[in-house]
Amino acid sequence: MDIINFQTIDWRTIPKTEHIGETGTSFWQTLQLGGLRIRMVEYSAGYMADHWCQKGHIVHCLEGEFISELEGKDNVLLTKGMTYVVSDSLSSHRSISKNGVKLLIVDGDFLKSDTV
């Protein structure tokens, strides 16, 4: 794990990148610190991811709500103040947002399933 010195993040200064979903759009503000990625992510109303993800994440819902669709399993609704955690390769999931949502997402090398 890389050493990260104390620092603050002013999200207002981090540019947004647009990512088109199967429906809707997501906007990412990304900070990469070695093997650690921290993102502020917003999904538009009507957003559905264009792929099934197997990457590990810590996802915290800051505003709104969204569904984490788990392939072959029940869907999980996350609302403001809720968080989910999963390591790499332990879940096939994708996000769906009916009315839009704002998330803080942290992922990186520490979530690799071979290190868990």
PDB file of N, CA and C in Angstrom:
ATOM      1  N   MET A   1       0.858  -1.187   0.000  1.00  0.00           N
ATOM      2  CA  MET A   1       0.000   0.000   0.000  1.00  0.00           C
ATOM      3  C   MET A   1       0.892   1.233   0.000  1.00  0.00           C
ATOM      4  N   ASP A   2       0.539   2.178  -0.836  1.00  0.00           N
ATOM      5  CA  ASP A   2       1.274   3.432  -0.890  1.00  0.00           C
ATOM      6  C   ASP A   2       1.016   4.260   0.358  1.00  0.00           C
ATOM      7  N   ILE A   3       1.993   5.059   0.737  1.00  0.00           N
ATOM      8  CA  ILE A   3       1.834   5.972   1.862  1.00  0.00           C
ATOM      9  C   ILE A   3       1.187   7.245   1.338  1.00  0.00           C
ATOM     10  N   ILE A   4       0.141   7.688   2.026  1.00  0.00           N
ATOM     11  CA  ILE A   4      -0.580   8.896   1.623  1.00  0.00           C
ATOM     12  C   ILE A   4      -0.471   9.904   2.746  1.00  0.00           C
ATOM     13  N   ASN A   5       0.175  11.014   2.469  1.00  0.00           N
ATOM     14  CA  ASN A   5       0.281  12.082   3.451  1.00  0.00           C
ATOM     15  C   ASN A   5      -1.064  12.768   3.627  1.00  0.00           C
ATOM     16  N   PHE A   6      -1.219  13.441   4.761  1.00  0.00           N
ATOM     17  CA  PHE A   6      -2.454  14.183   5.026  1.00  0.00           C
ATOM     18  C   PHE A   6      -2.702  15.177   3.909  1.00  0.00           C
ATOM     19  N   GLN A   7      -3.928  15.186   3.438  1.00  0.00           N
ATOM     20  CA  GLN A   7      -4.321  16.160   2.425  1.00  0.00           C
ATOM     21  C   GLN A   7      -5.825  16.319   2.438  1.00  0.00           C
ATOM     22  N   THR A   8      -6.283  17.423   1.916  1.00  0.00           N
ATOM     23  CA  THR A   8      -7.715  17.651   1.771  1.00  0.00           C
ATOM     24  C   THR A   8      -8.069  17.525   0.295  1.00  0.00           C
ATOM     25  N   ILE A   9      -9.329  17.279   0.036  1.00  0.00           N
ATOM     26  CA  ILE A   9      -9.811  17.165  -1.337  1.00  0.00           C
ATOM     27  C   ILE A   9     -10.910  18.204  -1.524  1.00  0.00           C
ATOM     28  N   ASP A  10     -10.691  19.136  -2.413  1.00  0.00           N
ATOM     29  CA  ASP A  10     -11.714  20.110  -2.767  1.00  0.00           C
ATOM     30  C   ASP A  10     -12.347  19.625  -4.067  1.00  0.00           C
ATOM     31  N   TRP A  11     -13.473  18.934  -3.942  1.00  0.00           N
ATOM     32  CA  TRP A  11     -14.112  18.326  -5.109  1.00  0.00           C
ATOM     33  C   TRP A  11     -14.509  19.360  -6.156  1.00  0.00           C
ATOM     34  N   ARG A  12     -14.650  20.608  -5.752  1.00  0.00           N
ATOM     35  CA  ARG A  12     -15.007  21.659  -6.720  1.00  0.00           C
ATOM     36  C   ARG A  12     -13.903  21.879  -7.746  1.00  0.00           C
ATOM     37  N   THR A  13     -12.683  21.466  -7.424  1.00  0.00           N
ATOM     38  CA  THR A  13     -11.545  21.693  -8.336  1.00  0.00           C
ATOM     39  C   THR A  13     -11.230  20.487  -9.215  1.00  0.00           C
ATOM     40  N   ILE A  14     -11.930  19.380  -9.002  1.00  0.00           N
ATOM     41  CA  ILE A  14     -11.642  18.158  -9.754  1.00  0.00           C
ATOM     42  C   ILE A  14     -12.631  18.061 -10.919  1.00  0.00           C
ATOM     43  N   PRO A  15     -12.116  18.016 -12.149  1.00  0.00           N
ATOM     44  CA  PRO A  15     -13.013  17.991 -13.310  1.00  0.00           C
ATOM     45  C   PRO A  15     -13.885  16.739 -13.363  1.00  0.00           C
ATOM     46  N   LYS A  16     -15.060  16.894 -13.962  1.00  0.00           N
ATOM     47  CA  LYS A  16     -15.981  15.776 -14.140  1.00  0.00           C
ATOM     48  C   LYS A  16     -15.748  15.147 -15.507  1.00  0.00           C
ATOM     49  N   THR A  17     -15.805  13.813 -15.535  1.00  0.00           N
ATOM     50  CA  THR A  17     -15.766  13.089 -16.800  1.00  0.00           C
ATOM     51  C   THR A  17     -17.109  12.393 -16.972  1.00  0.00           C
ATOM     52  N   GLU A  18     -17.571  12.356 -18.208  1.00  0.00           N
ATOM     53  CA  GLU A  18     -18.879  11.797 -18.518  1.00  0.00           C
ATOM     54  C   GLU A  18     -18.739  10.347 -18.966  1.00  0.00           C
ATOM     55  N   HIS A  19     -19.622   9.483 -18.453  1.00  0.00           N
ATOM     56  CA  HIS A  19     -19.633   8.069 -18.806  1.00  0.00           C
ATOM     57  C   HIS A  19     -21.073   7.687 -19.143  1.00  0.00           C
ATOM     58  N   ILE A  20     -21.290   7.321 -20.376  1.00  0.00           N
ATOM     59  CA  ILE A  20     -22.626   6.979 -20.842  1.00  0.00           C
ATOM     60  C   ILE A  20     -22.980   5.567 -20.379  1.00  0.00           C
ATOM     61  N   GLY A  21     -24.168   5.408 -19.809  1.00  0.00           N
ATOM     62  CA  GLY A  21     -24.634   4.099 -19.384  1.00  0.00           C
ATOM     63  C   GLY A  21     -25.454   3.438 -20.480  1.00  0.00           C
ATOM     64  N   GLU A  22     -25.995   2.272 -20.151  1.00  0.00           N
ATOM     65  CA  GLU A  22     -26.950   1.650 -21.076  1.00  0.00           C
ATOM     66  C   GLU A  22     -28.117   2.607 -21.286  1.00  0.00           C
ATOM     67  N   THR A  23     -28.527   3.241 -20.193  1.00  0.00           N
ATOM     68  CA  THR A  23     -29.429   4.393 -20.240  1.00  0.00           C
ATOM     69  C   THR A  23     -28.867   5.429 -19.275  1.00  0.00           C
ATOM     70  N   GLY A  24     -29.082   6.682 -19.561  1.00  0.00           N
ATOM     71  CA  GLY A  24     -28.605   7.748 -18.684  1.00  0.00           C
ATOM     72  C   GLY A  24     -27.098   7.931 -18.738  1.00  0.00           C
ATOM     73  N   THR A  25     -26.622   8.775 -17.839  1.00  0.00           N
ATOM     74  CA  THR A  25     -25.214   9.171 -17.825  1.00  0.00           C
ATOM     75  C   THR A  25     -24.704   9.224 -16.392  1.00  0.00           C
ATOM     76  N   SER A  26     -23.426   8.903 -16.224  1.00  0.00           N
ATOM     77  CA  SER A  26     -22.775   9.119 -14.933  1.00  0.00           C
ATOM     78  C   SER A  26     -21.650  10.132 -15.118  1.00  0.00           C
ATOM     79  N   PHE A  27     -21.384  10.873 -14.070  1.00  0.00           N
ATOM     80  CA  PHE A  27     -20.307  11.864 -14.063  1.00  0.00           C
ATOM     81  C   PHE A  27     -19.380  11.521 -12.910  1.00  0.00           C
ATOM     82  N   TRP A  28     -18.093  11.386 -13.229  1.00  0.00           N
ATOM     83  CA  TRP A  28     -17.095  11.007 -12.232  1.00  0.00           C
ATOM     84  C   TRP A  28     -16.121  12.148 -11.996  1.00  0.00           C
ATOM     85  N   GLN A  29     -15.798  12.364 -10.732  1.00  0.00           N
ATOM     86  CA  GLN A  29     -14.644  13.173 -10.341  1.00  0.00           C
ATOM     87  C   GLN A  29     -13.706  12.192  -9.643  1.00  0.00           C
ATOM     88  N   THR A  30     -12.501  12.044 -10.175  1.00  0.00           N
ATOM     89  CA  THR A  30     -11.618  10.961  -9.734  1.00  0.00           C
ATOM     90  C   THR A  30     -10.302  11.498  -9.191  1.00  0.00           C
ATOM     91  N   LEU A  31      -9.902  10.969  -8.048  1.00  0.00           N
ATOM     92  CA  LEU A  31      -8.594  11.232  -7.464  1.00  0.00           C
ATOM     93  C   LEU A  31      -7.886   9.883  -7.354  1.00  0.00           C
ATOM     94  N   GLN A  32      -6.732   9.754  -7.999  1.00  0.00           N
ATOM     95  CA  GLN A  32      -5.951   8.517  -7.956  1.00  0.00           C
ATOM     96  C   GLN A  32      -4.728   8.756  -7.093  1.00  0.00           C
ATOM     97  N   LEU A  33      -4.577   7.961  -6.054  1.00  0.00           N
ATOM     98  CA  LEU A  33      -3.435   8.053  -5.141  1.00  0.00           C
ATOM     99  C   LEU A  33      -2.759   6.688  -5.110  1.00  0.00           C
ATOM    100  N   GLY A  34      -1.827   6.459  -6.015  1.00  0.00           N
ATOM    101  CA  GLY A  34      -1.195   5.155  -6.117  1.00  0.00           C
ATOM    102  C   GLY A  34      -2.247   4.104  -6.416  1.00  0.00           C
ATOM    103  N   GLY A  35      -2.336   3.075  -5.581  1.00  0.00           N
ATOM    104  CA  GLY A  35      -3.298   2.004  -5.771  1.00  0.00           C
ATOM    105  C   GLY A  35      -4.657   2.275  -5.156  1.00  0.00           C
ATOM    106  N   LEU A  36      -4.947   3.526  -4.818  1.00  0.00           N
ATOM    107  CA  LEU A  36      -6.217   3.912  -4.209  1.00  0.00           C
ATOM    108  C   LEU A  36      -6.929   4.895  -5.127  1.00  0.00           C
ATOM    109  N   ARG A  37      -8.195   4.617  -5.446  1.00  0.00           N
ATOM    110  CA  ARG A  37      -8.987   5.529  -6.268  1.00  0.00           C
ATOM    111  C   ARG A  37     -10.185   5.995  -5.449  1.00  0.00           C
ATOM    112  N   ILE A  38     -10.381   7.313  -5.415  1.00  0.00           N
ATOM    113  CA  ILE A  38     -11.507   7.911  -4.710  1.00  0.00           C
ATOM    114  C   ILE A  38     -12.307   8.700  -5.742  1.00  0.00           C
ATOM    115  N   ARG A  39     -13.616   8.434  -5.808  1.00  0.00           N
ATOM    116  CA  ARG A  39     -14.455   9.111  -6.800  1.00  0.00           C
ATOM    117  C   ARG A  39     -15.716   9.680  -6.166  1.00  0.00           C
ATOM    118  N   MET A  40     -16.092  10.858  -6.636  1.00  0.00           N
ATOM    119  CA  MET A  40     -17.411  11.406  -6.396  1.00  0.00           C
ATOM    120  C   MET A  40     -18.162  11.116  -7.688  1.00  0.00           C
ATOM    121  N   VAL A  41     -19.269  10.380  -7.610  1.00  0.00           N
ATOM    122  CA  VAL A  41     -19.981   9.921  -8.803  1.00  0.00           C
ATOM    123  C   VAL A  41     -21.445  10.323  -8.701  1.00  0.00           C
ATOM    124  N   GLU A  42     -21.958  10.867  -9.803  1.00  0.00           N
ATOM    125  CA  GLU A  42     -23.384  11.194  -9.883  1.00  0.00           C
ATOM    126  C   GLU A  42     -23.991  10.436 -11.054  1.00  0.00           C
ATOM    127  N   TYR A  43     -25.125   9.779 -10.792  1.00  0.00           N
ATOM    128  CA  TYR A  43     -25.890   9.122 -11.852  1.00  0.00           C
ATOM    129  C   TYR A  43     -27.095   9.992 -12.159  1.00  0.00           C
ATOM    130  N   SER A  44     -27.379  10.166 -13.444  1.00  0.00           N
ATOM    131  CA  SER A  44     -28.564  10.913 -13.851  1.00  0.00           C
ATOM    132  C   SER A  44     -29.816  10.091 -13.551  1.00  0.00           C
ATOM    133  N   ALA A  45     -30.948  10.751 -13.598  1.00  0.00           N
ATOM    134  CA  ALA A  45     -32.218  10.031 -13.529  1.00  0.00           C
ATOM    135  C   ALA A  45     -32.265   9.061 -14.705  1.00  0.00           C
ATOM    136  N   GLY A  46     -32.772   7.881 -14.469  1.00  0.00           N
ATOM    137  CA  GLY A  46     -32.886   6.875 -15.520  1.00  0.00           C
ATOM    138  C   GLY A  46     -31.587   6.179 -15.873  1.00  0.00           C
ATOM    139  N   TYR A  47     -30.584   6.271 -14.993  1.00  0.00           N
ATOM    140  CA  TYR A  47     -29.280   5.657 -15.279  1.00  0.00           C
ATOM    141  C   TYR A  47     -29.308   4.150 -15.031  1.00  0.00           C
ATOM    142  N   MET A  48     -28.699   3.398 -15.952  1.00  0.00           N
ATOM    143  CA  MET A  48     -28.387   1.990 -15.740  1.00  0.00           C
ATOM    144  C   MET A  48     -27.006   1.745 -16.330  1.00  0.00           C
ATOM    145  N   ALA A  49     -26.125   1.144 -15.547  1.00  0.00           N
ATOM    146  CA  ALA A  49     -24.758   0.863 -15.999  1.00  0.00           C
ATOM    147  C   ALA A  49     -24.785   0.018 -17.263  1.00  0.00           C
ATOM    148  N   ASP A  50     -23.782   0.209 -18.106  1.00  0.00           N
ATOM    149  CA  ASP A  50     -23.709  -0.512 -19.379  1.00  0.00           C
ATOM    150  C   ASP A  50     -22.923  -1.818 -19.269  1.00  0.00           C
ATOM    151  N   HIS A  51     -22.600  -2.244 -18.052  1.00  0.00           N
ATOM    152  CA  HIS A  51     -21.821  -3.469 -17.871  1.00  0.00           C
ATOM    153  C   HIS A  51     -22.046  -4.025 -16.463  1.00  0.00           C
ATOM    154  N   TRP A  52     -21.725  -5.304 -16.317  1.00  0.00           N
ATOM    155  CA  TRP A  52     -21.695  -5.933 -15.003  1.00  0.00           C
ATOM    156  C   TRP A  52     -20.280  -5.761 -14.468  1.00  0.00           C
ATOM    157  N   CYS A  53     -20.159  -5.272 -13.265  1.00  0.00           N
ATOM    158  CA  CYS A  53     -18.852  -4.976 -12.669  1.00  0.00           C
ATOM    159  C   CYS A  53     -18.501  -6.057 -11.654  1.00  0.00           C
ATOM    160  N   GLN A  54     -17.245  -6.470 -11.654  1.00  0.00           N
ATOM    161  CA  GLN A  54     -16.775  -7.426 -10.653  1.00  0.00           C
ATOM    162  C   GLN A  54     -15.682  -6.827  -9.774  1.00  0.00           C
ATOM    163  N   LYS A  55     -15.470  -5.531  -9.928  1.00  0.00           N
ATOM    164  CA  LYS A  55     -14.460  -4.841  -9.130  1.00  0.00           C
ATOM    165  C   LYS A  55     -15.002  -4.609  -7.713  1.00  0.00           C
ATOM    166  N   GLY A  56     -14.115  -4.635  -6.750  1.00  0.00           N
ATOM    167  CA  GLY A  56     -14.494  -4.333  -5.375  1.00  0.00           C
ATOM    168  C   GLY A  56     -14.633  -2.830  -5.172  1.00  0.00           C
ATOM    169  N   HIS A  57     -15.540  -2.452  -4.289  1.00  0.00           N
ATOM    170  CA  HIS A  57     -15.780  -1.039  -3.990  1.00  0.00           C
ATOM    171  C   HIS A  57     -16.231  -0.878  -2.548  1.00  0.00           C
ATOM    172  N   ILE A  58     -16.055   0.326  -2.063  1.00  0.00           N
ATOM    173  CA  ILE A  58     -16.806   0.835  -0.922  1.00  0.00           C
ATOM    174  C   ILE A  58     -17.640   1.953  -1.517  1.00  0.00           C
ATOM    175  N   VAL A  59     -18.964   1.816  -1.463  1.00  0.00           N
ATOM    176  CA  VAL A  59     -19.867   2.782  -2.087  1.00  0.00           C
ATOM    177  C   VAL A  59     -20.755   3.363  -0.995  1.00  0.00           C
ATOM    178  N   HIS A  60     -20.689   4.687  -0.830  1.00  0.00           N
ATOM    179  CA  HIS A  60     -21.504   5.381   0.170  1.00  0.00           C
ATOM    180  C   HIS A  60     -22.451   6.327  -0.540  1.00  0.00           C
ATOM    181  N   CYS A  61     -23.728   6.209  -0.238  1.00  0.00           N
ATOM    182  CA  CYS A  61     -24.762   7.037  -0.863  1.00  0.00           C
ATOM    183  C   CYS A  61     -24.880   8.365  -0.108  1.00  0.00           C
ATOM    184  N   LEU A  62     -24.549   9.447  -0.808  1.00  0.00           N
ATOM    185  CA  LEU A  62     -24.579  10.784  -0.209  1.00  0.00           C
ATOM    186  C   LEU A  62     -25.931  11.466  -0.374  1.00  0.00           C
ATOM    187  N   GLU A  63     -26.549  11.279  -1.534  1.00  0.00           N
ATOM    188  CA  GLU A  63     -27.849  11.893  -1.831  1.00  0.00           C
ATOM    189  C   GLU A  63     -28.638  10.954  -2.720  1.00  0.00           C
ATOM    190  N   GLY A  64     -29.949  10.900  -2.522  1.00  0.00           N
ATOM    191  CA  GLY A  64     -30.809  10.093  -3.375  1.00  0.00           C
ATOM    192  C   GLY A  64     -30.771   8.623  -3.006  1.00  0.00           C
ATOM    193  N   GLU A  65     -31.041   7.784  -4.006  1.00  0.00           N
ATOM    194  CA  GLU A  65     -31.034   6.342  -3.801  1.00  0.00           C
ATOM    195  C   GLU A  65     -30.748   5.653  -5.122  1.00  0.00           C
ATOM    196  N   PHE A  66     -30.296   4.413  -5.026  1.00  0.00           N
ATOM    197  CA  PHE A  66     -30.035   3.621  -6.225  1.00  0.00           C
ATOM    198  C   PHE A  66     -30.149   2.147  -5.886  1.00  0.00           C
ATOM    199  N   ILE A  67     -30.274   1.358  -6.933  1.00  0.00           N
ATOM    200  CA  ILE A  67     -30.329  -0.091  -6.776  1.00  0.00           C
ATOM    201  C   ILE A  67     -28.997  -0.666  -7.217  1.00  0.00           C
ATOM    202  N   SER A  68     -28.438  -1.537  -6.385  1.00  0.00           N
ATOM    203  CA  SER A  68     -27.302  -2.335  -6.799  1.00  0.00           C
ATOM    204  C   SER A  68     -27.879  -3.677  -7.208  1.00  0.00           C
ATOM    205  N   GLU A  69     -27.893  -3.914  -8.519  1.00  0.00           N
ATOM    206  CA  GLU A  69     -28.430  -5.155  -9.052  1.00  0.00           C
ATOM    207  C   GLU A  69     -27.333  -6.214  -8.986  1.00  0.00           C
ATOM    208  N   LEU A  70     -27.615  -7.309  -8.319  1.00  0.00           N
ATOM    209  CA  LEU A  70     -26.652  -8.392  -8.172  1.00  0.00           C
ATOM    210  C   LEU A  70     -27.047  -9.507  -9.123  1.00  0.00           C
ATOM    211  N   GLU A  71     -26.164  -9.868 -10.037  1.00  0.00           N
ATOM    212  CA  GLU A  71     -26.475 -10.863 -11.055  1.00  0.00           C
ATOM    213  C   GLU A  71     -26.857 -12.193 -10.403  1.00  0.00           C
ATOM    214  N   GLY A  72     -28.060 -12.670 -10.730  1.00  0.00           N
ATOM    215  CA  GLY A  72     -28.525 -13.948 -10.205  1.00  0.00           C
ATOM    216  C   GLY A  72     -29.011 -13.902  -8.768  1.00  0.00           C
ATOM    217  N   LYS A  73     -29.087 -12.709  -8.173  1.00  0.00           N
ATOM    218  CA  LYS A  73     -29.512 -12.568  -6.777  1.00  0.00           C
ATOM    219  C   LYS A  73     -30.502 -11.421  -6.680  1.00  0.00           C
ATOM    220  N   ASP A  74     -30.976 -11.166  -5.462  1.00  0.00           N
ATOM    221  CA  ASP A  74     -31.892 -10.059  -5.236  1.00  0.00           C
ATOM    222  C   ASP A  74     -31.196  -8.719  -5.427  1.00  0.00           C
ATOM    223  N   ASN A  75     -31.975  -7.708  -5.792  1.00  0.00           N
ATOM    224  CA  ASN A  75     -31.466  -6.344  -5.878  1.00  0.00           C
ATOM    225  C   ASN A  75     -31.388  -5.746  -4.483  1.00  0.00           C
ATOM    226  N   VAL A  76     -30.468  -4.807  -4.299  1.00  0.00           N
ATOM    227  CA  VAL A  76     -30.301  -4.137  -3.014  1.00  0.00           C
ATOM    228  C   VAL A  76     -30.508  -2.645  -3.219  1.00  0.00           C
ATOM    229  N   LEU A  77     -31.435  -2.057  -2.461  1.00  0.00           N
ATOM    230  CA  LEU A  77     -31.689  -0.627  -2.513  1.00  0.00           C
ATOM    231  C   LEU A  77     -30.815   0.069  -1.482  1.00  0.00           C
ATOM    232  N   LEU A  78     -30.032   1.044  -1.943  1.00  0.00           N
ATOM    233  CA  LEU A  78     -29.237   1.854  -1.026  1.00  0.00           C
ATOM    234  C   LEU A  78     -29.775   3.278  -1.067  1.00  0.00           C
ATOM    235  N   THR A  79     -30.010   3.830   0.106  1.00  0.00           N
ATOM    236  CA  THR A  79     -30.516   5.188   0.239  1.00  0.00           C
ATOM    237  C   THR A  79     -29.484   6.048   0.961  1.00  0.00           C
ATOM    238  N   LYS A  80     -29.737   7.340   0.990  1.00  0.00           N
ATOM    239  CA  LYS A  80     -28.828   8.292   1.630  1.00  0.00           C
ATOM    240  C   LYS A  80     -28.374   7.784   2.997  1.00  0.00           C
ATOM    241  N   GLY A  81     -27.054   7.770   3.197  1.00  0.00           N
ATOM    242  CA  GLY A  81     -26.479   7.342   4.471  1.00  0.00           C
ATOM    243  C   GLY A  81     -26.091   5.869   4.522  1.00  0.00           C
ATOM    244  N   MET A  82     -26.449   5.096   3.480  1.00  0.00           N
ATOM    245  CA  MET A  82     -26.106   3.669   3.453  1.00  0.00           C
ATOM    246  C   MET A  82     -24.835   3.440   2.644  1.00  0.00           C
ATOM    247  N   THR A  83     -24.157   2.329   2.936  1.00  0.00           N
ATOM    248  CA  THR A  83     -22.892   1.974   2.296  1.00  0.00           C
ATOM    249  C   THR A  83     -22.902   0.489   1.984  1.00  0.00           C
ATOM    250  N   TYR A  84     -22.263   0.114   0.861  1.00  0.00           N
ATOM    251  CA  TYR A  84     -21.971  -1.298   0.656  1.00  0.00           C
ATOM    252  C   TYR A  84     -20.485  -1.471   0.414  1.00  0.00           C
ATOM    253  N   VAL A  85     -19.991  -2.672   0.747  1.00  0.00           N
ATOM    254  CA  VAL A  85     -18.585  -3.028   0.605  1.00  0.00           C
ATOM    255  C   VAL A  85     -18.509  -4.406  -0.025  1.00  0.00           C
ATOM    256  N   VAL A  86     -17.599  -4.575  -1.010  1.00  0.00           N
ATOM    257  CA  VAL A  86     -17.358  -5.886  -1.602  1.00  0.00           C
ATOM    258  C   VAL A  86     -15.940  -5.917  -2.151  1.00  0.00           C
ATOM    259  N   SER A  87     -15.282  -7.044  -2.036  1.00  0.00           N
ATOM    260  CA  SER A  87     -13.940  -7.215  -2.602  1.00  0.00           C
ATOM    261  C   SER A  87     -14.032  -7.583  -4.077  1.00  0.00           C
ATOM    262  N   ASP A  88     -12.916  -7.426  -4.797  1.00  0.00           N
ATOM    263  CA  ASP A  88     -12.840  -7.794  -6.210  1.00  0.00           C
ATOM    264  C   ASP A  88     -13.290  -9.237  -6.415  1.00  0.00           C
ATOM    265  N   SER A  89     -13.970  -9.479  -7.523  1.00  0.00           N
ATOM    266  CA  SER A  89     -14.336 -10.817  -8.009  1.00  0.00           C
ATOM    267  C   SER A  89     -15.298 -11.582  -7.111  1.00  0.00           C
ATOM    268  N   LEU A  90     -15.922 -10.930  -6.131  1.00  0.00           N
ATOM    269  CA  LEU A  90     -16.845 -11.634  -5.242  1.00  0.00           C
ATOM    270  C   LEU A  90     -18.308 -11.319  -5.539  1.00  0.00           C
ATOM    271  N   SER A  91     -18.555 -10.459  -6.526  1.00  0.00           N
ATOM    272  CA  SER A  91     -19.913 -10.081  -6.864  1.00  0.00           C
ATOM    273  C   SER A  91     -19.931  -9.551  -8.282  1.00  0.00           C
ATOM    274  N   SER A  92     -20.970  -9.876  -9.016  1.00  0.00           N
ATOM    275  CA  SER A  92     -21.198  -9.265 -10.314  1.00  0.00           C
ATOM    276  C   SER A  92     -22.383  -8.328 -10.123  1.00  0.00           C
ATOM    277  N   HIS A  93     -22.136  -7.034 -10.223  1.00  0.00           N
ATOM    278  CA  HIS A  93     -23.143  -6.043  -9.863  1.00  0.00           C
ATOM    279  C   HIS A  93     -23.169  -4.898 -10.872  1.00  0.00           C
ATOM    280  N   ARG A  94     -24.307  -4.199 -10.910  1.00  0.00           N
ATOM    281  CA  ARG A  94     -24.410  -2.971 -11.697  1.00  0.00           C
ATOM    282  C   ARG A  94     -25.408  -2.050 -11.011  1.00  0.00           C
ATOM    283  N   SER A  95     -25.258  -0.759 -11.290  1.00  0.00           N
ATOM    284  CA  SER A  95     -26.074   0.253 -10.625  1.00  0.00           C
ATOM    285  C   SER A  95     -27.208   0.722 -11.521  1.00  0.00           C
ATOM    286  N   ILE A  96     -28.337   1.013 -10.866  1.00  0.00           N
ATOM    287  CA  ILE A  96     -29.511   1.551 -11.532  1.00  0.00           C
ATOM    288  C   ILE A  96     -30.051   2.676 -10.656  1.00  0.00           C
ATOM    289  N   SER A  97     -30.336   3.824 -11.270  1.00  0.00           N
ATOM    290  CA  SER A  97     -30.875   4.945 -10.514  1.00  0.00           C
ATOM    291  C   SER A  97     -32.095   5.515 -11.226  1.00  0.00           C
ATOM    292  N   LYS A  98     -33.229   5.453 -10.576  1.00  0.00           N
ATOM    293  CA  LYS A  98     -34.474   5.966 -11.158  1.00  0.00           C
ATOM    294  C   LYS A  98     -34.495   7.492 -11.191  1.00  0.00           C
ATOM    295  N   ASN A  99     -34.099   8.130 -10.077  1.00  0.00           N
ATOM    296  CA  ASN A  99     -34.228   9.584  -9.950  1.00  0.00           C
ATOM    297  C   ASN A  99     -32.906  10.329  -9.825  1.00  0.00           C
ATOM    298  N   GLY A 100     -31.788   9.632  -9.977  1.00  0.00           N
ATOM    299  CA  GLY A 100     -30.477  10.259  -9.803  1.00  0.00           C
ATOM    300  C   GLY A 100     -29.948  10.035  -8.402  1.00  0.00           C
ATOM    301  N   VAL A 101     -28.622  10.038  -8.275  1.00  0.00           N
ATOM    302  CA  VAL A 101     -27.988   9.761  -6.989  1.00  0.00           C
ATOM    303  C   VAL A 101     -26.576  10.345  -7.000  1.00  0.00           C
ATOM    304  N   LYS A 102     -26.064  10.636  -5.817  1.00  0.00           N
ATOM    305  CA  LYS A 102     -24.679  11.085  -5.655  1.00  0.00           C
ATOM    306  C   LYS A 102     -23.985  10.135  -4.692  1.00  0.00           C
ATOM    307  N   LEU A 103     -22.823   9.611  -5.123  1.00  0.00           N
ATOM    308  CA  LEU A 103     -22.111   8.582  -4.364  1.00  0.00           C
ATOM    309  C   LEU A 103     -20.663   8.969  -4.126  1.00  0.00           C
ATOM    310  N   LEU A 104     -20.095   8.488  -3.045  1.00  0.00           N
ATOM    311  CA  LEU A 104     -18.657   8.515  -2.818  1.00  0.00           C
ATOM    312  C   LEU A 104     -18.202   7.065  -2.946  1.00  0.00           C
ATOM    313  N   ILE A 105     -17.273   6.811  -3.882  1.00  0.00           N
ATOM    314  CA  ILE A 105     -16.827   5.449  -4.152  1.00  0.00           C
ATOM    315  C   ILE A 105     -15.314   5.366  -3.948  1.00  0.00           C
ATOM    316  N   VAL A 106     -14.899   4.392  -3.148  1.00  0.00           N
ATOM    317  CA  VAL A 106     -13.476   4.156  -2.883  1.00  0.00           C
ATOM    318  C   VAL A 106     -13.162   2.734  -3.319  1.00  0.00           C
ATOM    319  N   ASP A 107     -12.111   2.580  -4.105  1.00  0.00           N
ATOM    320  CA  ASP A 107     -11.674   1.242  -4.486  1.00  0.00           C
ATOM    321  C   ASP A 107     -10.177   1.259  -4.715  1.00  0.00           C
ATOM    322  N   GLY A 108      -9.638   0.086  -4.937  1.00  0.00           N
ATOM    323  CA  GLY A 108      -8.203   0.007  -5.170  1.00  0.00           C
ATOM    324  C   GLY A 108      -7.628  -1.333  -4.792  1.00  0.00           C
ATOM    325  N   ASP A 109      -6.314  -1.363  -4.752  1.00  0.00           N
ATOM    326  CA  ASP A 109      -5.578  -2.606  -4.523  1.00  0.00           C
ATOM    327  C   ASP A 109      -5.955  -3.315  -3.224  1.00  0.00           C
ATOM    328  N   PHE A 110      -6.359  -2.562  -2.207  1.00  0.00           N
ATOM    329  CA  PHE A 110      -6.671  -3.165  -0.914  1.00  0.00           C
ATOM    330  C   PHE A 110      -7.907  -4.055  -0.969  1.00  0.00           C
ATOM    331  N   LEU A 111      -8.691  -3.988  -2.051  1.00  0.00           N
ATOM    332  CA  LEU A 111      -9.890  -4.807  -2.192  1.00  0.00           C
ATOM    333  C   LEU A 111      -9.697  -6.031  -3.083  1.00  0.00           C
ATOM    334  N   LYS A 112      -8.472  -6.267  -3.505  1.00  0.00           N
ATOM    335  CA  LYS A 112      -8.208  -7.458  -4.318  1.00  0.00           C
ATOM    336  C   LYS A 112      -8.513  -8.695  -3.492  1.00  0.00           C
ATOM    337  N   SER A 113      -9.290  -9.602  -4.055  1.00  0.00           N
ATOM    338  CA  SER A 113      -9.739 -10.770  -3.282  1.00  0.00           C
ATOM    339  C   SER A 113      -8.591 -11.700  -2.889  1.00  0.00           C
ATOM    340  N   ASP A 114      -7.466 -11.651  -3.587  1.00  0.00           N
ATOM    341  CA  ASP A 114      -6.330 -12.502  -3.221  1.00  0.00           C
ATOM    342  C   ASP A 114      -5.589 -11.977  -1.997  1.00  0.00           C
ATOM    343  N   THR A 115      -5.934 -10.748  -1.532  1.00  0.00           N
ATOM    344  CA  THR A 115      -5.298 -10.187  -0.345  1.00  0.00           C
ATOM    345  C   THR A 115      -6.256 -10.182   0.836  1.00  0.00           C
ATOM    346  N   VAL A 116      -7.491 -10.668   0.632  1.00  0.00           N
ATOM    347  CA  VAL A 116      -8.495 -10.658   1.685  1.00  0.00           C
ATOM    348  C   VAL A 116      -8.338 -11.890   2.548  1.00  0.00           C
TER     349      VAL A 116
END
